[in-house]
Amino acid sequence: MAAMIRAGREAYPTKARVRVWGWLLLAACAFAAGSRSVWDGVFTKEQAERGQRAYGEECLKCHGENLAGADTAPALAGAEFVAKWTGKTAGDLFGLIRKTMPTDDPGNLSSRQYSDLVAYILSANEFPAGQKELDRDAAALNEIRIEAKR
């Protein structure tokens, strides 16, 4: 009798584990389907060009002509930038730039200009352009992962 009770106890957790793993697998698939990365062409070439013009007007004086940074301004292109931002989202980058830049007047640019600047930064880091402009909505931007590699 004790053996049957023990067997019954072991069987139930196994079925429960199977259900839990099934739900986790479904959740992972749903996340993967709704999530994109910077390798998926999340901005257009034209948007990156607008961002480059805005960068020249608003950011160049601190971050330098080649986005390499200077003094207290961090690099916005290159291995250092990619390493720092890998694992974060385009929404994180957009939010930081919007809250802190330009340093002499943070938050003063339009959401389109901030989005264009993010597009330019992604372009400068050799992420591919696509057919659709980078969104200005924080929730949509938070679904775009920054990844060093595909």
Protein backbone atom coordinates (compact mmCIF):
# COMPACT_ATOMS: atom_id res chain seq x y z
CA MET A 1 0.00 0.00 0.00
CA ALA A 2 2.82 2.42 0.88
CA ALA A 3 4.40 1.72 -2.50
CA MET A 4 1.16 2.66 -4.29
CA ILE A 5 0.84 5.90 -2.34
CA ARG A 6 4.45 6.75 -3.13
CA ALA A 7 3.90 5.96 -6.80
CA GLY A 8 0.77 8.13 -6.83
CA ARG A 9 2.63 11.07 -5.31
CA GLU A 10 5.39 10.81 -7.89
CA ALA A 11 2.97 10.60 -10.81
CA TYR A 12 1.10 13.79 -9.93
CA PRO A 13 4.12 16.09 -9.79
CA THR A 14 5.31 14.66 -13.10
CA LYS A 15 2.02 15.60 -14.81
CA ALA A 16 2.09 19.02 -13.16
CA ARG A 17 5.65 19.56 -14.34
CA VAL A 18 4.63 18.63 -17.88
CA ARG A 19 1.81 21.20 -17.75
CA VAL A 20 4.12 23.89 -16.36
CA TRP A 21 6.75 23.19 -19.02
CA GLY A 22 4.04 23.30 -21.66
CA TRP A 23 2.88 26.72 -20.48
CA LEU A 24 6.45 27.97 -20.33
CA LEU A 25 7.08 26.75 -23.87
CA LEU A 26 3.94 28.50 -25.13
CA ALA A 27 4.94 31.71 -23.35
CA ALA A 28 8.44 31.56 -24.84
CA CYS A 29 7.03 31.07 -28.33
CA ALA A 30 4.63 33.99 -27.88
CA PHE A 31 7.48 36.19 -26.65
CA ALA A 32 9.70 35.22 -29.57
CA ALA A 33 6.93 35.90 -32.08
CA GLY A 34 6.26 39.42 -30.73
CA SER A 35 9.87 40.34 -30.12
CA ARG A 36 12.33 41.69 -32.65
CA SER A 37 15.97 42.63 -32.66
CA VAL A 38 17.97 45.41 -34.26
CA TRP A 39 19.02 42.85 -36.88
CA ASP A 40 15.45 42.77 -38.25
CA GLY A 41 15.64 46.11 -40.08
CA VAL A 42 13.74 48.22 -37.56
CA PHE A 43 14.41 51.65 -39.14
CA THR A 44 14.61 53.06 -42.65
CA LYS A 45 17.62 54.54 -44.41
CA GLU A 46 15.74 57.85 -44.75
CA GLN A 47 15.02 57.93 -41.02
CA ALA A 48 18.69 57.31 -40.22
CA GLU A 49 19.61 60.17 -42.59
CA ARG A 50 17.22 62.51 -40.73
CA GLY A 51 18.80 61.30 -37.50
CA GLN A 52 22.25 62.09 -38.87
CA ARG A 53 21.17 65.67 -39.58
CA ALA A 54 19.68 66.00 -36.07
CA TYR A 55 22.88 64.51 -34.64
CA GLY A 56 24.92 67.18 -36.44
CA GLU A 57 22.77 69.91 -34.95
CA GLU A 58 22.31 68.57 -31.42
CA CYS A 59 24.88 65.89 -30.54
CA LEU A 60 28.06 66.41 -32.54
CA LYS A 61 29.51 69.02 -30.19
CA CYS A 62 29.75 66.48 -27.34
CA HIS A 63 29.81 63.02 -28.95
CA GLY A 64 32.10 63.92 -31.85
CA GLU A 65 31.87 63.63 -35.60
CA ASN A 66 32.32 59.85 -35.69
CA LEU A 67 30.12 59.13 -32.59
CA ALA A 68 33.23 58.04 -30.68
CA GLY A 69 32.46 60.21 -27.66
CA ALA A 70 34.75 62.62 -25.86
CA ASP A 71 35.53 63.59 -22.28
CA THR A 72 32.29 62.81 -20.42
CA ALA A 73 30.18 61.99 -23.51
CA PRO A 74 30.01 58.23 -24.13
CA ALA A 75 30.65 56.59 -27.48
CA LEU A 76 27.51 56.03 -29.54
CA ALA A 77 29.12 53.69 -32.06
CA GLY A 78 31.58 50.85 -31.96
CA ALA A 79 32.33 47.84 -29.80
CA GLU A 80 32.08 49.76 -26.51
CA PHE A 81 28.58 51.01 -27.35
CA VAL A 82 27.35 47.62 -28.57
CA ALA A 83 28.75 45.85 -25.49
CA LYS A 84 27.07 48.35 -23.17
CA TRP A 85 23.68 48.13 -24.87
CA THR A 86 23.51 44.41 -25.72
CA GLY A 87 20.61 42.90 -23.79
CA LYS A 88 18.76 46.20 -23.55
CA THR A 89 16.08 47.54 -25.89
CA ALA A 90 15.68 50.33 -28.39
CA GLY A 91 13.14 51.69 -25.88
CA ASP A 92 15.85 51.87 -23.22
CA LEU A 93 18.09 53.84 -25.58
CA PHE A 94 15.24 56.12 -26.72
CA GLY A 95 14.22 56.76 -23.10
CA LEU A 96 17.73 57.61 -21.94
CA ILE A 97 18.36 59.98 -24.83
CA ARG A 98 14.96 61.62 -24.37
CA LYS A 99 15.48 62.17 -20.63
CA THR A 100 19.07 63.38 -20.76
CA MET A 101 19.81 64.89 -24.18
CA PRO A 102 20.75 67.41 -25.26
CA THR A 103 22.49 68.09 -21.97
CA ASP A 104 21.76 71.81 -22.13
CA ASP A 105 18.03 71.24 -22.77
CA PRO A 106 16.96 67.61 -22.11
CA GLY A 107 13.68 66.45 -23.59
CA ASN A 108 13.33 69.48 -25.84
CA LEU A 109 13.40 67.59 -29.16
CA SER A 110 10.32 66.03 -30.73
CA SER A 111 9.66 62.32 -30.31
CA ARG A 112 10.31 61.99 -34.06
CA GLN A 113 13.75 63.58 -33.66
CA TYR A 114 14.61 61.24 -30.78
CA SER A 115 13.44 58.25 -32.81
CA ASP A 116 15.46 59.46 -35.80
CA LEU A 117 18.54 59.81 -33.58
CA VAL A 118 18.14 56.22 -32.36
CA ALA A 119 17.82 55.11 -36.00
CA TYR A 120 21.04 56.96 -36.85
CA ILE A 121 22.87 55.42 -33.90
CA LEU A 122 21.71 51.93 -34.93
CA SER A 123 22.77 52.64 -38.51
CA ALA A 124 26.18 53.90 -37.37
CA ASN A 125 26.60 50.59 -35.54
CA GLU A 126 25.99 48.76 -38.83
CA PHE A 127 22.58 47.34 -37.99
CA PRO A 128 20.56 46.96 -41.21
CA ALA A 129 17.86 49.33 -42.38
CA GLY A 130 14.44 47.99 -43.27
CA GLN A 131 11.16 49.09 -44.84
CA LYS A 132 9.43 50.56 -41.77
CA GLU A 133 10.52 53.52 -39.65
CA LEU A 134 11.50 53.01 -36.05
CA ASP A 135 8.47 53.64 -33.89
CA ARG A 136 8.10 56.56 -31.49
CA ASP A 137 6.01 54.56 -29.02
CA ALA A 138 7.93 53.37 -25.95
CA ALA A 139 6.01 50.06 -25.72
CA ALA A 140 6.84 49.19 -29.34
CA LEU A 141 10.48 50.22 -28.88
CA ASN A 142 10.75 48.05 -25.77
CA GLU A 143 10.08 45.00 -27.97
CA ILE A 144 13.22 45.62 -30.04
CA ARG A 145 16.27 43.98 -28.48
CA ILE A 146 19.76 45.31 -29.03
CA GLU A 147 22.02 42.34 -29.79
CA ALA A 148 25.68 42.25 -30.73
CA LYS A 149 25.13 39.32 -33.08
CA ARG A 150 22.23 37.78 -34.95
